[in-house]
């Protein structure tokens, strides 16, 4: 809970003075009654007075005044609202290691399912582009608010040799430069979300891509997808199937973590479809939504009104008068 005009909370000092005055009056009344009454006679009278009930209506009244005073300071709470302008590039690794089945049904199919769910849950006003990369990187869908081309591109991903993460970042940055401007004619805020299970084996180095992303002020959030026990069996027509061996393809994390840390993005790991969907949910919350202060003065006013009505009702019920 925050206040849009916190300086006005100084008015609560007046409420505190009134509360202190009420307490002082009650103590003075009790002292006055004891001073001018016979203590023996006072003790012999049955306790038929209002007792604690006489304090309840004033307390509710003072609580209502406190809430009304706080309402003057314009209380607000943070709420999550969809962003009206942003561009997200989803870059997906399609190297041959992505056929490893250490993730059910396999890495590439799980990545496809999670990516489609991710873009479908982004606010419809956000631009989304799709980049795939193996030995080279390609823009499959330029940034657009249309979701069908992105879904089709993800469903039609095909595996290829090698891994070029640096090229994927350069290609994503180029796609962002072609993103449609917003209503003001300026480029909307942008972010790259890159999923991979390995490290760069070809193309421009990651360090060059990181420098370009930092210069463009585009954060790159990375997802290391897979497990340490992943392996693939590569088809080789010249080798009998019975002699073909498993090739380990453990997920690489350090390079992806460095990319995210160096560009101001976030780094995630996922070793199952469920974990990957959770990661995308977290990224979607950060990319597609923002926290804004929304004034809740009406809540305070409503609570104060309820307390005032309750104070009046109890005073009429118990004492046949208003507090």
C-alpha atoms as a PDB file:
ATOM      1  CA  UNK A   1       0.000   0.000   0.000  1.00  0.00           C
ATOM      2  CA  UNK A   2       1.338   3.413  -0.969  1.00  0.00           C
ATOM      3  CA  UNK A   3       0.026   6.980  -0.859  1.00  0.00           C
ATOM      4  CA  UNK A   4       0.090   9.307  -3.857  1.00  0.00           C
ATOM      5  CA  UNK A   5       0.069  12.354  -1.563  1.00  0.00           C
ATOM      6  CA  UNK A   6       1.910  11.102   1.544  1.00  0.00           C
ATOM      7  CA  UNK A   7       2.524  14.624   2.883  1.00  0.00           C
ATOM      8  CA  UNK A   8      -1.186  14.844   3.719  1.00  0.00           C
ATOM      9  CA  UNK A   9      -0.782  12.065   6.279  1.00  0.00           C
ATOM     10  CA  UNK A  10       0.399  14.784   8.644  1.00  0.00           C
ATOM     11  CA  UNK A  11      -3.325  15.384   9.249  1.00  0.00           C
ATOM     12  CA  UNK A  12      -3.330  12.155  11.263  1.00  0.00           C
ATOM     13  CA  UNK A  13      -1.666  14.161  14.017  1.00  0.00           C
ATOM     14  CA  UNK A  14      -5.000  15.930  14.523  1.00  0.00           C
ATOM     15  CA  UNK A  15      -6.752  12.571  14.820  1.00  0.00           C
ATOM     16  CA  UNK A  16      -4.167  11.486  17.389  1.00  0.00           C
ATOM     17  CA  UNK A  17      -4.833  14.695  19.364  1.00  0.00           C
ATOM     18  CA  UNK A  18      -8.586  13.986  19.358  1.00  0.00           C
ATOM     19  CA  UNK A  19      -7.992  10.411  20.555  1.00  0.00           C
ATOM     20  CA  UNK A  20      -5.699  11.655  23.308  1.00  0.00           C
ATOM     21  CA  UNK A  21      -8.348  14.216  24.289  1.00  0.00           C
ATOM     22  CA  UNK A  22     -11.028  11.536  24.495  1.00  0.00           C
ATOM     23  CA  UNK A  23      -8.846   9.411  26.776  1.00  0.00           C
ATOM     24  CA  UNK A  24      -8.088  12.420  28.968  1.00  0.00           C
ATOM     25  CA  UNK A  25     -11.790  13.301  29.280  1.00  0.00           C
ATOM     26  CA  UNK A  26     -12.667   9.747  30.313  1.00  0.00           C
ATOM     27  CA  UNK A  27      -9.973   9.697  32.978  1.00  0.00           C
ATOM     28  CA  UNK A  28     -11.069  13.105  34.262  1.00  0.00           C
ATOM     29  CA  UNK A  29     -14.710  11.997  34.436  1.00  0.00           C
ATOM     30  CA  UNK A  30     -13.779   8.932  36.467  1.00  0.00           C
ATOM     31  CA  UNK A  31     -11.619  11.012  38.828  1.00  0.00           C
ATOM     32  CA  UNK A  32     -14.414  13.581  39.253  1.00  0.00           C
ATOM     33  CA  UNK A  33     -16.988  10.900  40.057  1.00  0.00           C
ATOM     34  CA  UNK A  34     -14.791   9.322  42.721  1.00  0.00           C
ATOM     35  CA  UNK A  35     -13.990  12.702  44.291  1.00  0.00           C
ATOM     36  CA  UNK A  36     -17.562  13.791  44.855  1.00  0.00           C
ATOM     37  CA  UNK A  37     -19.135  10.437  45.734  1.00  0.00           C
ATOM     38  CA  UNK A  38     -19.085   8.327  48.840  1.00  0.00           C
ATOM     39  CA  UNK A  39     -16.938   5.329  48.083  1.00  0.00           C
ATOM     40  CA  UNK A  40     -19.008   3.127  50.441  1.00  0.00           C
ATOM     41  CA  UNK A  41     -22.259   4.199  48.790  1.00  0.00           C
ATOM     42  CA  UNK A  42     -20.687   3.885  45.340  1.00  0.00           C
ATOM     43  CA  UNK A  43     -19.659   0.292  46.034  1.00  0.00           C
ATOM     44  CA  UNK A  44     -23.171  -0.629  47.199  1.00  0.00           C
ATOM     45  CA  UNK A  45     -24.840   0.458  43.930  1.00  0.00           C
ATOM     46  CA  UNK A  46     -25.283  -2.376  41.407  1.00  0.00           C
ATOM     47  CA  UNK A  47     -23.215  -1.956  38.269  1.00  0.00           C
ATOM     48  CA  UNK A  48     -26.010  -1.167  35.857  1.00  0.00           C
ATOM     49  CA  UNK A  49     -24.204   1.498  33.838  1.00  0.00           C
ATOM     50  CA  UNK A  50     -23.267   1.208  30.200  1.00  0.00           C
ATOM     51  CA  UNK A  51     -19.718   0.130  31.044  1.00  0.00           C
ATOM     52  CA  UNK A  52     -17.547  -0.721  28.065  1.00  0.00           C
ATOM     53  CA  UNK A  53     -20.422  -0.124  25.628  1.00  0.00           C
ATOM     54  CA  UNK A  54     -20.197   3.645  25.962  1.00  0.00           C
ATOM     55  CA  UNK A  55     -16.711   3.531  24.390  1.00  0.00           C
ATOM     56  CA  UNK A  56     -17.646   1.445  21.342  1.00  0.00           C
ATOM     57  CA  UNK A  57     -19.511   4.087  19.250  1.00  0.00           C
ATOM     58  CA  UNK A  58     -16.818   6.750  19.810  1.00  0.00           C
ATOM     59  CA  UNK A  59     -14.088   4.254  18.894  1.00  0.00           C
ATOM     60  CA  UNK A  60     -15.855   3.366  15.651  1.00  0.00           C
ATOM     61  CA  UNK A  61     -16.350   7.062  14.976  1.00  0.00           C
ATOM     62  CA  UNK A  62     -12.659   7.823  15.542  1.00  0.00           C
ATOM     63  CA  UNK A  63     -11.662   4.882  13.331  1.00  0.00           C
ATOM     64  CA  UNK A  64     -13.876   6.292  10.585  1.00  0.00           C
ATOM     65  CA  UNK A  65     -12.268   9.719  10.939  1.00  0.00           C
ATOM     66  CA  UNK A  66      -8.830   8.061  10.709  1.00  0.00           C
ATOM     67  CA  UNK A  67      -9.778   6.299   7.478  1.00  0.00           C
ATOM     68  CA  UNK A  68     -11.212   9.497   5.989  1.00  0.00           C
ATOM     69  CA  UNK A  69      -8.035  11.359   6.882  1.00  0.00           C
ATOM     70  CA  UNK A  70      -5.925   8.647   5.239  1.00  0.00           C
ATOM     71  CA  UNK A  71      -8.174   8.833   2.180  1.00  0.00           C
ATOM     72  CA  UNK A  72      -7.172  12.478   1.759  1.00  0.00           C
ATOM     73  CA  UNK A  73      -3.598  11.205   1.144  1.00  0.00           C
ATOM     74  CA  UNK A  74      -4.869   9.233  -1.890  1.00  0.00           C
ATOM     75  CA  UNK A  75      -4.019   5.627  -0.944  1.00  0.00           C
ATOM     76  CA  UNK A  76      -3.046   3.341  -3.829  1.00  0.00           C
ATOM     77  CA  UNK A  77      -2.081  -0.257  -4.415  1.00  0.00           C
ATOM     78  CA  UNK A  78      -0.016  -1.815  -7.167  1.00  0.00           C
ATOM     79  CA  UNK A  79      -1.920  -3.759  -9.810  1.00  0.00           C
ATOM     80  CA  UNK A  80      -0.703  -5.683 -12.855  1.00  0.00           C
ATOM     81  CA  UNK A  81      -1.920  -4.283 -16.162  1.00  0.00           C
ATOM     82  CA  UNK A  82      -1.095  -5.368 -19.717  1.00  0.00           C
ATOM     83  CA  UNK A  83       1.539  -3.338 -21.510  1.00  0.00           C
ATOM     84  CA  UNK A  84       0.173  -1.383 -24.419  1.00  0.00           C
ATOM     85  CA  UNK A  85       3.435  -1.326 -26.345  1.00  0.00           C
ATOM     86  CA  UNK A  86       6.415  -3.699 -26.476  1.00  0.00           C
ATOM     87  CA  UNK A  87       8.147  -6.080 -28.874  1.00  0.00           C
ATOM     88  CA  UNK A  88       9.314  -9.562 -27.937  1.00  0.00           C
ATOM     89  CA  UNK A  89      11.556 -11.750 -30.088  1.00  0.00           C
ATOM     90  CA  UNK A  90      11.344 -15.457 -29.263  1.00  0.00           C
ATOM     91  CA  UNK A  91      14.558 -17.167 -30.408  1.00  0.00           C
ATOM     92  CA  UNK A  92      14.513 -20.977 -30.394  1.00  0.00           C
ATOM     93  CA  UNK A  93      17.481 -23.325 -30.759  1.00  0.00           C
ATOM     94  CA  UNK A  94      16.892 -25.944 -33.494  1.00  0.00           C
ATOM     95  CA  UNK A  95      20.296 -27.645 -33.353  1.00  0.00           C
ATOM     96  CA  UNK A  96      20.386 -31.440 -33.564  1.00  0.00           C
ATOM     97  CA  UNK A  97      20.869 -31.752 -29.794  1.00  0.00           C
ATOM     98  CA  UNK A  98      17.284 -30.535 -29.395  1.00  0.00           C
ATOM     99  CA  UNK A  99      16.056 -33.998 -30.434  1.00  0.00           C
ATOM    100  CA  UNK A 100      17.274 -35.440 -27.116  1.00  0.00           C
ATOM    101  CA  UNK A 101      14.424 -37.144 -25.279  1.00  0.00           C
ATOM    102  CA  UNK A 102      15.593 -36.418 -21.735  1.00  0.00           C
ATOM    103  CA  UNK A 103      12.618 -34.047 -21.715  1.00  0.00           C
ATOM    104  CA  UNK A 104       9.271 -35.585 -22.656  1.00  0.00           C
ATOM    105  CA  UNK A 105       8.403 -35.995 -25.444  1.00  0.00           C
ATOM    106  CA  UNK A 106      11.751 -34.467 -26.493  1.00  0.00           C
ATOM    107  CA  UNK A 107      13.436 -31.105 -26.172  1.00  0.00           C
ATOM    108  CA  UNK A 108      12.249 -29.577 -29.420  1.00  0.00           C
ATOM    109  CA  UNK A 109       8.609 -30.634 -29.092  1.00  0.00           C
ATOM    110  CA  UNK A 110       8.449 -29.421 -25.508  1.00  0.00           C
ATOM    111  CA  UNK A 111      10.047 -26.131 -26.580  1.00  0.00           C
ATOM    112  CA  UNK A 112       7.444 -25.741 -29.326  1.00  0.00           C
ATOM    113  CA  UNK A 113       4.507 -26.374 -26.992  1.00  0.00           C
ATOM    114  CA  UNK A 114       5.772 -23.962 -24.347  1.00  0.00           C
ATOM    115  CA  UNK A 115       6.639 -21.227 -26.858  1.00  0.00           C
ATOM    116  CA  UNK A 116       3.169 -21.323 -28.421  1.00  0.00           C
ATOM    117  CA  UNK A 117       1.557 -21.119 -25.004  1.00  0.00           C
ATOM    118  CA  UNK A 118       3.860 -18.215 -24.144  1.00  0.00           C
ATOM    119  CA  UNK A 119       2.956 -16.074 -27.150  1.00  0.00           C
ATOM    120  CA  UNK A 120      -0.744 -16.870 -26.807  1.00  0.00           C
ATOM    121  CA  UNK A 121      -0.784 -15.530 -23.252  1.00  0.00           C
ATOM    122  CA  UNK A 122       1.006 -12.272 -24.040  1.00  0.00           C
ATOM    123  CA  UNK A 123      -1.218  -9.179 -24.278  1.00  0.00           C
ATOM    124  CA  UNK A 124      -2.628  -8.939 -27.820  1.00  0.00           C
ATOM    125  CA  UNK A 125      -1.178  -5.443 -28.313  1.00  0.00           C
ATOM    126  CA  UNK A 126       2.427  -6.676 -28.059  1.00  0.00           C
ATOM    127  CA  UNK A 127       4.474  -7.363 -31.191  1.00  0.00           C
ATOM    128  CA  UNK A 128       5.969 -10.852 -31.351  1.00  0.00           C
ATOM    129  CA  UNK A 129       8.694 -12.084 -33.702  1.00  0.00           C
ATOM    130  CA  UNK A 130      10.131 -15.588 -34.128  1.00  0.00           C
ATOM    131  CA  UNK A 131      13.786 -16.440 -34.802  1.00  0.00           C
ATOM    132  CA  UNK A 132      15.193 -19.955 -35.185  1.00  0.00           C
ATOM    133  CA  UNK A 133      18.882 -20.789 -35.083  1.00  0.00           C
ATOM    134  CA  UNK A 134      21.256 -23.697 -35.560  1.00  0.00           C
ATOM    135  CA  UNK A 135      24.376 -23.123 -37.699  1.00  0.00           C
ATOM    136  CA  UNK A 136      22.737 -19.912 -38.906  1.00  0.00           C
ATOM    137  CA  UNK A 137      19.854 -17.785 -37.654  1.00  0.00           C
ATOM    138  CA  UNK A 138      16.709 -16.822 -39.539  1.00  0.00           C
ATOM    139  CA  UNK A 139      13.790 -14.501 -38.909  1.00  0.00           C
ATOM    140  CA  UNK A 140      10.763 -16.735 -39.390  1.00  0.00           C
ATOM    141  CA  UNK A 141       8.220 -14.060 -38.430  1.00  0.00           C
ATOM    142  CA  UNK A 142       8.905 -10.334 -38.246  1.00  0.00           C
ATOM    143  CA  UNK A 143       7.420  -8.563 -35.189  1.00  0.00           C
ATOM    144  CA  UNK A 144       3.654  -8.386 -35.499  1.00  0.00           C
ATOM    145  CA  UNK A 145       0.564  -8.469 -33.308  1.00  0.00           C
ATOM    146  CA  UNK A 146      -0.780 -11.373 -35.370  1.00  0.00           C
ATOM    147  CA  UNK A 147      -0.308 -14.651 -33.493  1.00  0.00           C
ATOM    148  CA  UNK A 148      -1.185 -17.194 -36.211  1.00  0.00           C
ATOM    149  CA  UNK A 149       2.044 -16.691 -38.252  1.00  0.00           C
ATOM    150  CA  UNK A 150       4.081 -17.150 -35.061  1.00  0.00           C
ATOM    151  CA  UNK A 151       2.250 -20.353 -34.147  1.00  0.00           C
ATOM    152  CA  UNK A 152       2.711 -21.771 -37.647  1.00  0.00           C
ATOM    153  CA  UNK A 153       6.404 -20.916 -37.665  1.00  0.00           C
ATOM    154  CA  UNK A 154       6.983 -22.610 -34.316  1.00  0.00           C
ATOM    155  CA  UNK A 155       5.050 -25.714 -35.364  1.00  0.00           C
ATOM    156  CA  UNK A 156       7.153 -26.006 -38.533  1.00  0.00           C
ATOM    157  CA  UNK A 157      10.596 -25.797 -36.923  1.00  0.00           C
ATOM    158  CA  UNK A 158      13.192 -28.164 -38.417  1.00  0.00           C
ATOM    159  CA  UNK A 159      16.452 -29.295 -36.813  1.00  0.00           C
ATOM    160  CA  UNK A 160      19.872 -28.579 -38.308  1.00  0.00           C
ATOM    161  CA  UNK A 161      23.560 -28.876 -37.425  1.00  0.00           C
ATOM    162  CA  UNK A 162      25.625 -26.619 -35.127  1.00  0.00           C
ATOM    163  CA  UNK A 163      24.656 -23.851 -32.698  1.00  0.00           C
ATOM    164  CA  UNK A 164      25.078 -20.115 -33.344  1.00  0.00           C
ATOM    165  CA  UNK A 165      23.763 -18.250 -30.311  1.00  0.00           C
ATOM    166  CA  UNK A 166      25.671 -15.112 -31.218  1.00  0.00           C
ATOM    167  CA  UNK A 167      24.086 -15.075 -34.671  1.00  0.00           C
ATOM    168  CA  UNK A 168      20.668 -15.599 -33.079  1.00  0.00           C
ATOM    169  CA  UNK A 169      21.098 -12.431 -30.993  1.00  0.00           C
ATOM    170  CA  UNK A 170      22.338 -10.386 -33.970  1.00  0.00           C
ATOM    171  CA  UNK A 171      19.413 -11.605 -36.093  1.00  0.00           C
ATOM    172  CA  UNK A 172      16.938 -10.842 -33.301  1.00  0.00           C
ATOM    173  CA  UNK A 173      18.313  -7.310 -32.993  1.00  0.00           C
ATOM    174  CA  UNK A 174      17.901  -6.841 -36.737  1.00  0.00           C
ATOM    175  CA  UNK A 175      14.301  -8.037 -36.489  1.00  0.00           C
ATOM    176  CA  UNK A 176      13.679  -5.518 -33.715  1.00  0.00           C
ATOM    177  CA  UNK A 177      14.921  -2.685 -35.913  1.00  0.00           C
ATOM    178  CA  UNK A 178      12.183  -3.635 -38.364  1.00  0.00           C
ATOM    179  CA  UNK A 179       9.464  -3.632 -35.697  1.00  0.00           C
ATOM    180  CA  UNK A 180       6.564  -1.280 -36.420  1.00  0.00           C
ATOM    181  CA  UNK A 181       6.701   2.004 -34.452  1.00  0.00           C
ATOM    182  CA  UNK A 182       4.063   2.860 -31.904  1.00  0.00           C
ATOM    183  CA  UNK A 183       1.538   5.679 -32.108  1.00  0.00           C
ATOM    184  CA  UNK A 184       4.201   8.258 -31.262  1.00  0.00           C
ATOM    185  CA  UNK A 185       6.459   7.078 -34.084  1.00  0.00           C
ATOM    186  CA  UNK A 186       9.035   5.676 -31.656  1.00  0.00           C
ATOM    187  CA  UNK A 187      10.263   2.107 -31.330  1.00  0.00           C
ATOM    188  CA  UNK A 188       8.476   0.358 -28.457  1.00  0.00           C
ATOM    189  CA  UNK A 189      10.417  -1.278 -25.595  1.00  0.00           C
ATOM    190  CA  UNK A 190      11.991  -4.553 -26.705  1.00  0.00           C
ATOM    191  CA  UNK A 191      13.273  -7.808 -25.255  1.00  0.00           C
ATOM    192  CA  UNK A 192      14.744 -11.021 -26.615  1.00  0.00           C
ATOM    193  CA  UNK A 193      13.816 -14.379 -25.078  1.00  0.00           C
ATOM    194  CA  UNK A 194      16.318 -17.022 -26.182  1.00  0.00           C
ATOM    195  CA  UNK A 195      16.019 -20.749 -25.529  1.00  0.00           C
ATOM    196  CA  UNK A 196      18.925 -23.128 -26.073  1.00  0.00           C
ATOM    197  CA  UNK A 197      20.461 -26.312 -24.717  1.00  0.00           C
ATOM    198  CA  UNK A 198      24.040 -25.691 -25.797  1.00  0.00           C
ATOM    199  CA  UNK A 199      26.750 -23.168 -26.488  1.00  0.00           C
ATOM    200  CA  UNK A 200      27.993 -21.397 -29.588  1.00  0.00           C
ATOM    201  CA  UNK A 201      29.966 -23.652 -31.946  1.00  0.00           C
ATOM    202  CA  UNK A 202      29.895 -21.489 -35.064  1.00  0.00           C
ATOM    203  CA  UNK A 203      29.332 -17.900 -36.174  1.00  0.00           C
ATOM    204  CA  UNK A 204      30.088 -14.648 -34.401  1.00  0.00           C
ATOM    205  CA  UNK A 205      30.990 -15.026 -30.732  1.00  0.00           C
ATOM    206  CA  UNK A 206      28.552 -14.431 -27.917  1.00  0.00           C
ATOM    207  CA  UNK A 207      30.626 -11.521 -26.606  1.00  0.00           C
ATOM    208  CA  UNK A 208      30.118  -9.549 -29.828  1.00  0.00           C
ATOM    209  CA  UNK A 209      26.382 -10.195 -29.715  1.00  0.00           C
ATOM    210  CA  UNK A 210      26.210  -9.155 -26.061  1.00  0.00           C
ATOM    211  CA  UNK A 211      27.988  -5.888 -26.887  1.00  0.00           C
ATOM    212  CA  UNK A 212      25.489  -5.216 -29.675  1.00  0.00           C
ATOM    213  CA  UNK A 213      22.527  -5.957 -27.391  1.00  0.00           C
ATOM    214  CA  UNK A 214      23.889  -3.657 -24.705  1.00  0.00           C
ATOM    215  CA  UNK A 215      24.433  -0.879 -27.226  1.00  0.00           C
ATOM    216  CA  UNK A 216      20.841  -1.297 -28.417  1.00  0.00           C
ATOM    217  CA  UNK A 217      19.684  -1.436 -24.778  1.00  0.00           C
ATOM    218  CA  UNK A 218      17.813  -4.687 -25.409  1.00  0.00           C
ATOM    219  CA  UNK A 219      17.808  -7.203 -22.527  1.00  0.00           C
ATOM    220  CA  UNK A 220      18.270 -10.836 -23.503  1.00  0.00           C
ATOM    221  CA  UNK A 221      16.560 -13.319 -21.190  1.00  0.00           C
ATOM    222  CA  UNK A 222      17.895 -16.844 -21.644  1.00  0.00           C
ATOM    223  CA  UNK A 223      16.532 -20.301 -20.884  1.00  0.00           C
ATOM    224  CA  UNK A 224      18.850 -23.299 -20.522  1.00  0.00           C
ATOM    225  CA  UNK A 225      16.613 -26.208 -21.487  1.00  0.00           C
ATOM    226  CA  UNK A 226      17.465 -29.860 -20.913  1.00  0.00           C
ATOM    227  CA  UNK A 227      19.297 -32.058 -18.427  1.00  0.00           C
ATOM    228  CA  UNK A 228      22.880 -33.119 -17.806  1.00  0.00           C
ATOM    229  CA  UNK A 229      22.032 -36.661 -18.963  1.00  0.00           C
ATOM    230  CA  UNK A 230      20.710 -35.813 -22.418  1.00  0.00           C
ATOM    231  CA  UNK A 231      21.990 -37.701 -25.436  1.00  0.00           C
ATOM    232  CA  UNK A 232      21.230 -38.170 -29.123  1.00  0.00           C
ATOM    233  CA  UNK A 233      21.827 -40.955 -31.605  1.00  0.00           C
ATOM    234  CA  UNK A 234      22.765 -39.361 -34.912  1.00  0.00           C
ATOM    235  CA  UNK A 235      21.849 -41.240 -38.071  1.00  0.00           C
ATOM    236  CA  UNK A 236      24.857 -42.059 -40.226  1.00  0.00           C
ATOM    237  CA  UNK A 237      24.115 -43.970 -43.439  1.00  0.00           C
ATOM    238  CA  UNK A 238      27.685 -45.302 -43.510  1.00  0.00           C
ATOM    239  CA  UNK A 239      27.421 -46.793 -40.013  1.00  0.00           C
ATOM    240  CA  UNK A 240      25.214 -49.823 -39.255  1.00  0.00           C
ATOM    241  CA  UNK A 241      22.397 -48.935 -36.890  1.00  0.00           C
ATOM    242  CA  UNK A 242      23.573 -51.447 -34.299  1.00  0.00           C
ATOM    243  CA  UNK A 243      26.960 -49.725 -34.173  1.00  0.00           C
ATOM    244  CA  UNK A 244      25.675 -46.192 -33.849  1.00  0.00           C
ATOM    245  CA  UNK A 245      26.556 -44.717 -30.458  1.00  0.00           C
ATOM    246  CA  UNK A 246      24.917 -42.300 -28.151  1.00  0.00           C
ATOM    247  CA  UNK A 247      26.316 -38.774 -28.230  1.00  0.00           C
ATOM    248  CA  UNK A 248      25.995 -36.909 -24.910  1.00  0.00           C
ATOM    249  CA  UNK A 249      24.388 -33.468 -25.206  1.00  0.00           C
ATOM    250  CA  UNK A 250      24.282 -32.094 -21.653  1.00  0.00           C
ATOM    251  CA  UNK A 251      22.623 -28.726 -21.254  1.00  0.00           C
ATOM    252  CA  UNK A 252      25.083 -25.828 -21.071  1.00  0.00           C
ATOM    253  CA  UNK A 253      24.216 -23.114 -18.554  1.00  0.00           C
ATOM    254  CA  UNK A 254      27.230 -20.867 -17.972  1.00  0.00           C
ATOM    255  CA  UNK A 255      27.234 -19.155 -21.363  1.00  0.00           C
ATOM    256  CA  UNK A 256      23.499 -18.486 -21.251  1.00  0.00           C
ATOM    257  CA  UNK A 257      23.746 -17.122 -17.724  1.00  0.00           C
ATOM    258  CA  UNK A 258      26.555 -14.777 -18.798  1.00  0.00           C
ATOM    259  CA  UNK A 259      24.487 -13.478 -21.724  1.00  0.00           C
ATOM    260  CA  UNK A 260      21.511 -12.694 -19.495  1.00  0.00           C
ATOM    261  CA  UNK A 261      23.625 -11.094 -16.763  1.00  0.00           C
ATOM    262  CA  UNK A 262      25.582  -8.964 -19.228  1.00  0.00           C
ATOM    263  CA  UNK A 263      22.523  -7.599 -21.052  1.00  0.00           C
ATOM    264  CA  UNK A 264      20.240  -7.000 -18.084  1.00  0.00           C
ATOM    265  CA  UNK A 265      18.014  -9.966 -18.842  1.00  0.00           C
ATOM    266  CA  UNK A 266      17.017 -12.873 -16.631  1.00  0.00           C
ATOM    267  CA  UNK A 267      18.454 -16.392 -16.666  1.00  0.00           C
ATOM    268  CA  UNK A 268      16.321 -19.508 -16.196  1.00  0.00           C
ATOM    269  CA  UNK A 269      16.784 -23.258 -16.279  1.00  0.00           C
ATOM    270  CA  UNK A 270      14.154 -25.836 -17.154  1.00  0.00           C
ATOM    271  CA  UNK A 271      14.405 -29.616 -17.312  1.00  0.00           C
ATOM    272  CA  UNK A 272      10.797 -30.494 -18.135  1.00  0.00           C
ATOM    273  CA  UNK A 273       7.850 -29.154 -20.086  1.00  0.00           C
ATOM    274  CA  UNK A 274       6.145 -28.068 -16.869  1.00  0.00           C
ATOM    275  CA  UNK A 275       9.226 -26.160 -15.705  1.00  0.00           C
ATOM    276  CA  UNK A 276       9.609 -24.547 -19.110  1.00  0.00           C
ATOM    277  CA  UNK A 277       5.990 -23.385 -19.101  1.00  0.00           C
ATOM    278  CA  UNK A 278       6.522 -21.932 -15.625  1.00  0.00           C
ATOM    279  CA  UNK A 279       9.628 -20.088 -16.850  1.00  0.00           C
ATOM    280  CA  UNK A 280       7.714 -18.648 -19.788  1.00  0.00           C
ATOM    281  CA  UNK A 281       4.939 -17.595 -17.403  1.00  0.00           C
ATOM    282  CA  UNK A 282       7.474 -15.679 -15.308  1.00  0.00           C
ATOM    283  CA  UNK A 283       8.949 -14.044 -18.387  1.00  0.00           C
ATOM    284  CA  UNK A 284       5.478 -13.224 -19.706  1.00  0.00           C
ATOM    285  CA  UNK A 285       4.573 -11.499 -16.450  1.00  0.00           C
ATOM    286  CA  UNK A 286       7.680  -9.311 -16.689  1.00  0.00           C
ATOM    287  CA  UNK A 287       7.495  -8.636 -20.426  1.00  0.00           C
ATOM    288  CA  UNK A 288       3.771  -8.398 -21.043  1.00  0.00           C
ATOM    289  CA  UNK A 289       2.625  -6.665 -17.882  1.00  0.00           C
ATOM    290  CA  UNK A 290       3.670  -3.811 -15.657  1.00  0.00           C
ATOM    291  CA  UNK A 291       2.868  -2.744 -12.117  1.00  0.00           C
ATOM    292  CA  UNK A 292       1.076   0.574 -11.751  1.00  0.00           C
ATOM    293  CA  UNK A 293      -0.319   2.405  -8.755  1.00  0.00           C
ATOM    294  CA  UNK A 294      -4.104   2.401  -8.743  1.00  0.00           C
ATOM    295  CA  UNK A 295      -5.875   4.735  -6.315  1.00  0.00           C
ATOM    296  CA  UNK A 296      -8.158   3.046  -3.767  1.00  0.00           C
ATOM    297  CA  UNK A 297      -9.523   6.126  -2.025  1.00  0.00           C
ATOM    298  CA  UNK A 298     -13.040   4.810  -2.555  1.00  0.00           C
ATOM    299  CA  UNK A 299     -12.182   1.712  -0.488  1.00  0.00           C
ATOM    300  CA  UNK A 300     -11.147   3.887   2.458  1.00  0.00           C
ATOM    301  CA  UNK A 301     -14.198   6.103   2.082  1.00  0.00           C
ATOM    302  CA  UNK A 302     -16.521   3.084   1.964  1.00  0.00           C
ATOM    303  CA  UNK A 303     -14.938   1.581   5.078  1.00  0.00           C
ATOM    304  CA  UNK A 304     -15.228   4.914   6.879  1.00  0.00           C
ATOM    305  CA  UNK A 305     -18.898   5.225   5.911  1.00  0.00           C
ATOM    306  CA  UNK A 306     -19.575   1.719   7.210  1.00  0.00           C
ATOM    307  CA  UNK A 307     -17.916   2.550  10.544  1.00  0.00           C
ATOM    308  CA  UNK A 308     -19.878   5.809  10.860  1.00  0.00           C
ATOM    309  CA  UNK A 309     -23.161   3.999  10.244  1.00  0.00           C
ATOM    310  CA  UNK A 310     -22.218   1.291  12.719  1.00  0.00           C
ATOM    311  CA  UNK A 311     -21.239   3.882  15.308  1.00  0.00           C
ATOM    312  CA  UNK A 312     -24.563   5.688  14.917  1.00  0.00           C
ATOM    313  CA  UNK A 313     -26.623   2.485  14.981  1.00  0.00           C
ATOM    314  CA  UNK A 314     -24.994   1.219  18.193  1.00  0.00           C
ATOM    315  CA  UNK A 315     -25.331   4.606  19.887  1.00  0.00           C
ATOM    316  CA  UNK A 316     -29.060   4.773  19.033  1.00  0.00           C
ATOM    317  CA  UNK A 317     -29.584   1.171  20.093  1.00  0.00           C
ATOM    318  CA  UNK A 318     -27.813   1.454  23.444  1.00  0.00           C
ATOM    319  CA  UNK A 319     -28.251   5.112  24.403  1.00  0.00           C
ATOM    320  CA  UNK A 320     -31.053   6.447  22.163  1.00  0.00           C
ATOM    321  CA  UNK A 321     -28.820   9.181  20.831  1.00  0.00           C
ATOM    322  CA  UNK A 322     -26.129   9.747  18.262  1.00  0.00           C
ATOM    323  CA  UNK A 323     -22.487   9.739  19.386  1.00  0.00           C
END
